[in-house]
Amino acid sequence: MLLRGSTKQISISYDSATKIIDNTTRSSYTPLGDELQDTLASSITALASAQQIRLDGKVVNVVAYNIDGYNYLRLRDIATLLDFAVNYDEETRMVTLDLANAYSE
């Protein structure tokens, strides 16, 4: 949702025939309505997900986690796949996304 309208936007859909999550770069994201809501709980359980994920038609090898029926990827894994920089400011304790620069460790 945060990348919507940017040069790194991505659409997400589910292929029920193959049971694979499809992601297409440079394609508009369609909101579900519950994105960016504060769902912080005092205790959550994250389980490794066996869900397969495709990016532009190719299966990608990335670790996903299932929390309350939703699949989550690490931000840095998404940044690697879409090639944008992720930075952390110690002073403000804020994570920033730099879509104009390439990902680096």
N, C-alpha and C. Protein backbone atom coordinates (compact mmCIF):
# COMPACT_ATOMS: atom_id res chain seq x y z
N MET A 1 0.83 -1.20 0.00
CA MET A 1 0.00 0.00 0.00
C MET A 1 0.88 1.26 0.00
N LEU A 2 1.97 1.22 0.75
CA LEU A 2 2.85 2.39 0.83
C LEU A 2 3.49 2.74 -0.51
N LEU A 3 3.65 1.75 -1.38
CA LEU A 3 4.30 1.97 -2.67
C LEU A 3 3.32 2.38 -3.77
N ARG A 4 2.04 2.38 -3.45
CA ARG A 4 1.00 2.69 -4.43
C ARG A 4 1.24 4.07 -5.06
N GLY A 5 1.22 4.11 -6.39
CA GLY A 5 1.41 5.36 -7.12
C GLY A 5 2.86 5.73 -7.34
N SER A 6 3.78 4.94 -6.81
CA SER A 6 5.21 5.22 -6.98
C SER A 6 5.78 4.42 -8.14
N THR A 7 7.04 4.64 -8.43
CA THR A 7 7.72 3.88 -9.49
C THR A 7 7.94 2.43 -9.09
N LYS A 8 7.75 2.10 -7.82
CA LYS A 8 7.95 0.74 -7.31
C LYS A 8 6.62 0.07 -6.95
N GLN A 9 5.50 0.64 -7.42
CA GLN A 9 4.20 0.05 -7.08
C GLN A 9 4.09 -1.38 -7.59
N ILE A 10 3.25 -2.15 -6.95
CA ILE A 10 3.12 -3.56 -7.27
C ILE A 10 1.68 -4.01 -7.01
N SER A 11 1.14 -4.80 -7.92
CA SER A 11 -0.19 -5.36 -7.68
C SER A 11 -0.02 -6.74 -7.05
N ILE A 12 -1.01 -7.11 -6.26
CA ILE A 12 -0.97 -8.40 -5.57
C ILE A 12 -2.30 -9.09 -5.79
N SER A 13 -2.24 -10.36 -6.21
CA SER A 13 -3.47 -11.14 -6.39
C SER A 13 -3.18 -12.59 -6.02
N TYR A 14 -4.23 -13.36 -5.88
CA TYR A 14 -4.10 -14.77 -5.52
C TYR A 14 -4.63 -15.62 -6.65
N ASP A 15 -3.79 -16.54 -7.14
CA ASP A 15 -4.19 -17.46 -8.20
C ASP A 15 -4.74 -18.72 -7.52
N SER A 16 -6.05 -18.84 -7.46
CA SER A 16 -6.66 -19.96 -6.74
C SER A 16 -6.40 -21.31 -7.42
N ALA A 17 -6.16 -21.30 -8.72
CA ALA A 17 -5.88 -22.55 -9.43
C ALA A 17 -4.54 -23.14 -9.02
N THR A 18 -3.52 -22.28 -8.88
CA THR A 18 -2.18 -22.76 -8.52
C THR A 18 -1.87 -22.54 -7.04
N LYS A 19 -2.75 -21.78 -6.34
CA LYS A 19 -2.56 -21.43 -4.93
C LYS A 19 -1.26 -20.67 -4.70
N ILE A 20 -0.99 -19.74 -5.61
CA ILE A 20 0.22 -18.92 -5.54
C ILE A 20 -0.18 -17.44 -5.48
N ILE A 21 0.53 -16.68 -4.67
CA ILE A 21 0.33 -15.23 -4.61
C ILE A 21 1.11 -14.63 -5.77
N ASP A 22 0.42 -13.90 -6.64
CA ASP A 22 1.05 -13.24 -7.79
C ASP A 22 1.27 -11.77 -7.50
N ASN A 23 2.47 -11.31 -7.81
CA ASN A 23 2.84 -9.90 -7.67
C ASN A 23 3.34 -9.42 -9.02
N THR A 24 2.84 -8.28 -9.44
CA THR A 24 3.25 -7.73 -10.74
C THR A 24 3.78 -6.32 -10.52
N THR A 25 5.04 -6.11 -10.92
CA THR A 25 5.65 -4.79 -10.75
C THR A 25 5.06 -3.81 -11.75
N ARG A 26 5.17 -2.52 -11.41
CA ARG A 26 4.68 -1.42 -12.24
C ARG A 26 3.19 -1.56 -12.57
N SER A 27 2.47 -2.17 -11.64
CA SER A 27 1.04 -2.37 -11.82
C SER A 27 0.34 -1.84 -10.57
N SER A 28 -0.81 -1.25 -10.74
CA SER A 28 -1.50 -0.57 -9.66
C SER A 28 -2.02 -1.54 -8.58
N TYR A 29 -1.78 -1.20 -7.35
CA TYR A 29 -2.25 -1.97 -6.20
C TYR A 29 -3.72 -1.63 -5.94
N THR A 30 -4.53 -2.65 -5.73
CA THR A 30 -5.93 -2.46 -5.39
C THR A 30 -6.10 -2.69 -3.89
N PRO A 31 -6.44 -1.65 -3.15
CA PRO A 31 -6.58 -1.79 -1.69
C PRO A 31 -7.72 -2.73 -1.29
N LEU A 32 -7.50 -3.43 -0.19
CA LEU A 32 -8.53 -4.29 0.38
C LEU A 32 -9.37 -3.52 1.39
N GLY A 33 -8.78 -2.46 1.96
CA GLY A 33 -9.50 -1.64 2.92
C GLY A 33 -8.96 -1.72 4.34
N ASP A 34 -8.20 -2.76 4.64
CA ASP A 34 -7.69 -2.88 6.00
C ASP A 34 -6.18 -2.63 6.10
N GLU A 35 -5.59 -2.12 5.03
CA GLU A 35 -4.17 -1.83 5.04
C GLU A 35 -3.87 -0.66 5.97
N LEU A 36 -2.68 -0.66 6.50
CA LEU A 36 -2.14 0.43 7.31
C LEU A 36 -2.94 0.68 8.59
N GLN A 37 -3.75 -0.27 8.99
CA GLN A 37 -4.45 -0.14 10.26
C GLN A 37 -3.54 -0.59 11.39
N ASP A 38 -3.68 0.03 12.53
CA ASP A 38 -2.89 -0.34 13.69
C ASP A 38 -3.49 -1.60 14.28
N THR A 39 -2.82 -2.72 14.05
CA THR A 39 -3.30 -4.00 14.55
C THR A 39 -2.33 -4.57 15.56
N LEU A 40 -1.54 -3.71 16.18
CA LEU A 40 -0.55 -4.15 17.15
C LEU A 40 -1.23 -4.84 18.33
N ALA A 41 -0.82 -6.04 18.59
CA ALA A 41 -1.38 -6.81 19.70
C ALA A 41 -0.29 -7.03 20.74
N SER A 42 -0.71 -7.32 21.93
CA SER A 42 0.28 -7.54 22.99
C SER A 42 1.07 -8.82 22.73
N SER A 43 0.45 -9.77 22.07
CA SER A 43 1.13 -11.02 21.79
C SER A 43 0.63 -11.56 20.45
N ILE A 44 1.55 -11.91 19.58
CA ILE A 44 1.17 -12.49 18.29
C ILE A 44 1.98 -13.75 18.06
N THR A 45 1.46 -14.60 17.21
CA THR A 45 2.18 -15.80 16.83
C THR A 45 2.43 -15.74 15.34
N ALA A 46 3.71 -15.80 14.97
CA ALA A 46 4.09 -15.82 13.55
C ALA A 46 4.59 -17.22 13.23
N LEU A 47 4.01 -17.80 12.22
CA LEU A 47 4.43 -19.13 11.78
C LEU A 47 5.05 -19.04 10.40
N ALA A 48 6.06 -19.84 10.16
CA ALA A 48 6.65 -19.88 8.82
C ALA A 48 5.55 -20.30 7.84
N SER A 49 5.47 -19.60 6.73
CA SER A 49 4.44 -19.87 5.73
C SER A 49 5.03 -20.64 4.56
N ALA A 50 4.29 -21.63 4.10
CA ALA A 50 4.71 -22.40 2.93
C ALA A 50 4.16 -21.81 1.64
N GLN A 51 3.51 -20.65 1.74
CA GLN A 51 2.88 -20.00 0.59
C GLN A 51 3.90 -19.66 -0.48
N GLN A 52 3.65 -20.07 -1.71
CA GLN A 52 4.53 -19.71 -2.81
C GLN A 52 4.16 -18.32 -3.31
N ILE A 53 5.19 -17.60 -3.76
CA ILE A 53 5.01 -16.23 -4.23
C ILE A 53 5.69 -16.08 -5.58
N ARG A 54 4.97 -15.45 -6.52
CA ARG A 54 5.53 -15.17 -7.84
C ARG A 54 5.68 -13.67 -8.00
N LEU A 55 6.76 -13.29 -8.64
CA LEU A 55 6.99 -11.89 -9.00
C LEU A 55 7.18 -11.84 -10.51
N ASP A 56 6.29 -11.14 -11.16
CA ASP A 56 6.33 -11.02 -12.63
C ASP A 56 6.43 -12.39 -13.31
N GLY A 57 5.65 -13.35 -12.79
CA GLY A 57 5.57 -14.68 -13.40
C GLY A 57 6.60 -15.69 -12.95
N LYS A 58 7.57 -15.28 -12.15
CA LYS A 58 8.63 -16.19 -11.69
C LYS A 58 8.52 -16.41 -10.19
N VAL A 59 8.56 -17.68 -9.76
CA VAL A 59 8.50 -17.99 -8.33
C VAL A 59 9.77 -17.46 -7.68
N VAL A 60 9.60 -16.74 -6.57
CA VAL A 60 10.74 -16.18 -5.84
C VAL A 60 10.93 -16.95 -4.53
N ASN A 61 12.18 -17.10 -4.16
CA ASN A 61 12.52 -17.79 -2.93
C ASN A 61 12.67 -16.77 -1.82
N VAL A 62 11.63 -16.62 -1.02
CA VAL A 62 11.64 -15.65 0.06
C VAL A 62 10.88 -16.26 1.24
N VAL A 63 11.34 -15.96 2.43
CA VAL A 63 10.69 -16.47 3.63
C VAL A 63 9.48 -15.60 3.95
N ALA A 64 8.34 -16.24 4.10
CA ALA A 64 7.11 -15.54 4.47
C ALA A 64 6.64 -16.05 5.82
N TYR A 65 5.92 -15.20 6.52
CA TYR A 65 5.38 -15.56 7.83
C TYR A 65 3.88 -15.35 7.81
N ASN A 66 3.14 -16.27 8.41
CA ASN A 66 1.69 -16.16 8.50
C ASN A 66 1.32 -15.69 9.89
N ILE A 67 0.61 -14.57 9.94
CA ILE A 67 0.11 -14.02 11.19
C ILE A 67 -1.38 -13.76 11.01
N ASP A 68 -2.18 -14.43 11.79
CA ASP A 68 -3.64 -14.27 11.73
C ASP A 68 -4.20 -14.42 10.31
N GLY A 69 -3.67 -15.35 9.53
CA GLY A 69 -4.18 -15.62 8.19
C GLY A 69 -3.61 -14.76 7.08
N TYR A 70 -2.74 -13.81 7.43
CA TYR A 70 -2.10 -12.96 6.43
C TYR A 70 -0.64 -13.37 6.29
N ASN A 71 -0.11 -13.28 5.06
CA ASN A 71 1.30 -13.57 4.82
C ASN A 71 2.10 -12.27 4.83
N TYR A 72 3.21 -12.31 5.54
CA TYR A 72 4.08 -11.14 5.67
C TYR A 72 5.48 -11.49 5.21
N LEU A 73 6.14 -10.51 4.56
CA LEU A 73 7.54 -10.62 4.17
C LEU A 73 8.34 -9.56 4.91
N ARG A 74 9.61 -9.83 5.11
CA ARG A 74 10.48 -8.81 5.71
C ARG A 74 10.59 -7.63 4.74
N LEU A 75 10.62 -6.42 5.28
CA LEU A 75 10.74 -5.22 4.45
C LEU A 75 11.99 -5.27 3.59
N ARG A 76 13.09 -5.73 4.15
CA ARG A 76 14.33 -5.79 3.37
C ARG A 76 14.24 -6.82 2.24
N ASP A 77 13.47 -7.88 2.41
CA ASP A 77 13.27 -8.84 1.32
C ASP A 77 12.47 -8.20 0.18
N ILE A 78 11.45 -7.42 0.54
CA ILE A 78 10.67 -6.70 -0.47
C ILE A 78 11.56 -5.68 -1.18
N ALA A 79 12.39 -4.97 -0.41
CA ALA A 79 13.29 -3.98 -1.00
C ALA A 79 14.28 -4.63 -1.95
N THR A 80 14.74 -5.82 -1.62
CA THR A 80 15.66 -6.55 -2.50
C THR A 80 14.97 -6.91 -3.81
N LEU A 81 13.75 -7.42 -3.70
CA LEU A 81 13.01 -7.84 -4.90
C LEU A 81 12.65 -6.66 -5.80
N LEU A 82 12.29 -5.53 -5.20
CA LEU A 82 11.85 -4.37 -5.98
C LEU A 82 12.96 -3.35 -6.19
N ASP A 83 14.11 -3.57 -5.56
CA ASP A 83 15.30 -2.74 -5.70
C ASP A 83 15.10 -1.29 -5.27
N PHE A 84 14.86 -1.10 -3.97
CA PHE A 84 14.87 0.23 -3.39
C PHE A 84 15.59 0.18 -2.05
N ALA A 85 16.09 1.31 -1.62
CA ALA A 85 16.88 1.39 -0.39
C ALA A 85 15.99 1.49 0.84
N VAL A 86 16.44 0.85 1.91
CA VAL A 86 15.79 0.94 3.22
C VAL A 86 16.83 1.49 4.18
N ASN A 87 16.46 2.54 4.89
CA ASN A 87 17.39 3.17 5.83
C ASN A 87 16.77 3.24 7.22
N TYR A 88 17.65 3.32 8.23
CA TYR A 88 17.18 3.46 9.60
C TYR A 88 17.93 4.61 10.25
N ASP A 89 17.17 5.54 10.83
CA ASP A 89 17.75 6.68 11.52
C ASP A 89 17.72 6.39 13.01
N GLU A 90 18.91 6.16 13.58
CA GLU A 90 19.03 5.83 15.01
C GLU A 90 18.43 6.92 15.89
N GLU A 91 18.69 8.17 15.53
CA GLU A 91 18.25 9.29 16.37
C GLU A 91 16.73 9.37 16.49
N THR A 92 16.05 9.26 15.36
CA THR A 92 14.58 9.36 15.37
C THR A 92 13.91 7.98 15.49
N ARG A 93 14.73 6.93 15.37
CA ARG A 93 14.22 5.55 15.42
C ARG A 93 13.16 5.33 14.33
N MET A 94 13.47 5.84 13.13
CA MET A 94 12.52 5.77 12.03
C MET A 94 13.13 5.03 10.83
N VAL A 95 12.32 4.18 10.23
CA VAL A 95 12.68 3.49 9.00
C VAL A 95 12.18 4.33 7.83
N THR A 96 13.05 4.52 6.83
CA THR A 96 12.64 5.27 5.64
C THR A 96 12.89 4.43 4.39
N LEU A 97 12.07 4.65 3.39
CA LEU A 97 12.23 3.99 2.10
C LEU A 97 12.72 5.02 1.10
N ASP A 98 13.76 4.67 0.37
CA ASP A 98 14.32 5.56 -0.64
C ASP A 98 14.14 4.88 -1.99
N LEU A 99 13.05 5.21 -2.67
CA LEU A 99 12.71 4.54 -3.93
C LEU A 99 13.62 4.94 -5.09
N ALA A 100 14.36 6.02 -4.95
CA ALA A 100 15.23 6.50 -6.02
C ALA A 100 16.57 5.79 -6.05
N ASN A 101 16.91 5.09 -4.96
CA ASN A 101 18.21 4.42 -4.88
C ASN A 101 18.04 2.91 -4.77
N ALA A 102 19.07 2.21 -5.24
CA ALA A 102 19.05 0.74 -5.25
C ALA A 102 19.27 0.18 -3.85
N TYR A 103 18.81 -1.04 -3.65
CA TYR A 103 18.99 -1.72 -2.38
C TYR A 103 20.45 -2.08 -2.18
N SER A 104 20.92 -1.95 -0.96
CA SER A 104 22.27 -2.41 -0.60
C SER A 104 22.24 -2.82 0.87
N GLU A 105 23.11 -3.74 1.21
CA GLU A 105 23.21 -4.20 2.60
C GLU A 105 23.99 -3.22 3.41
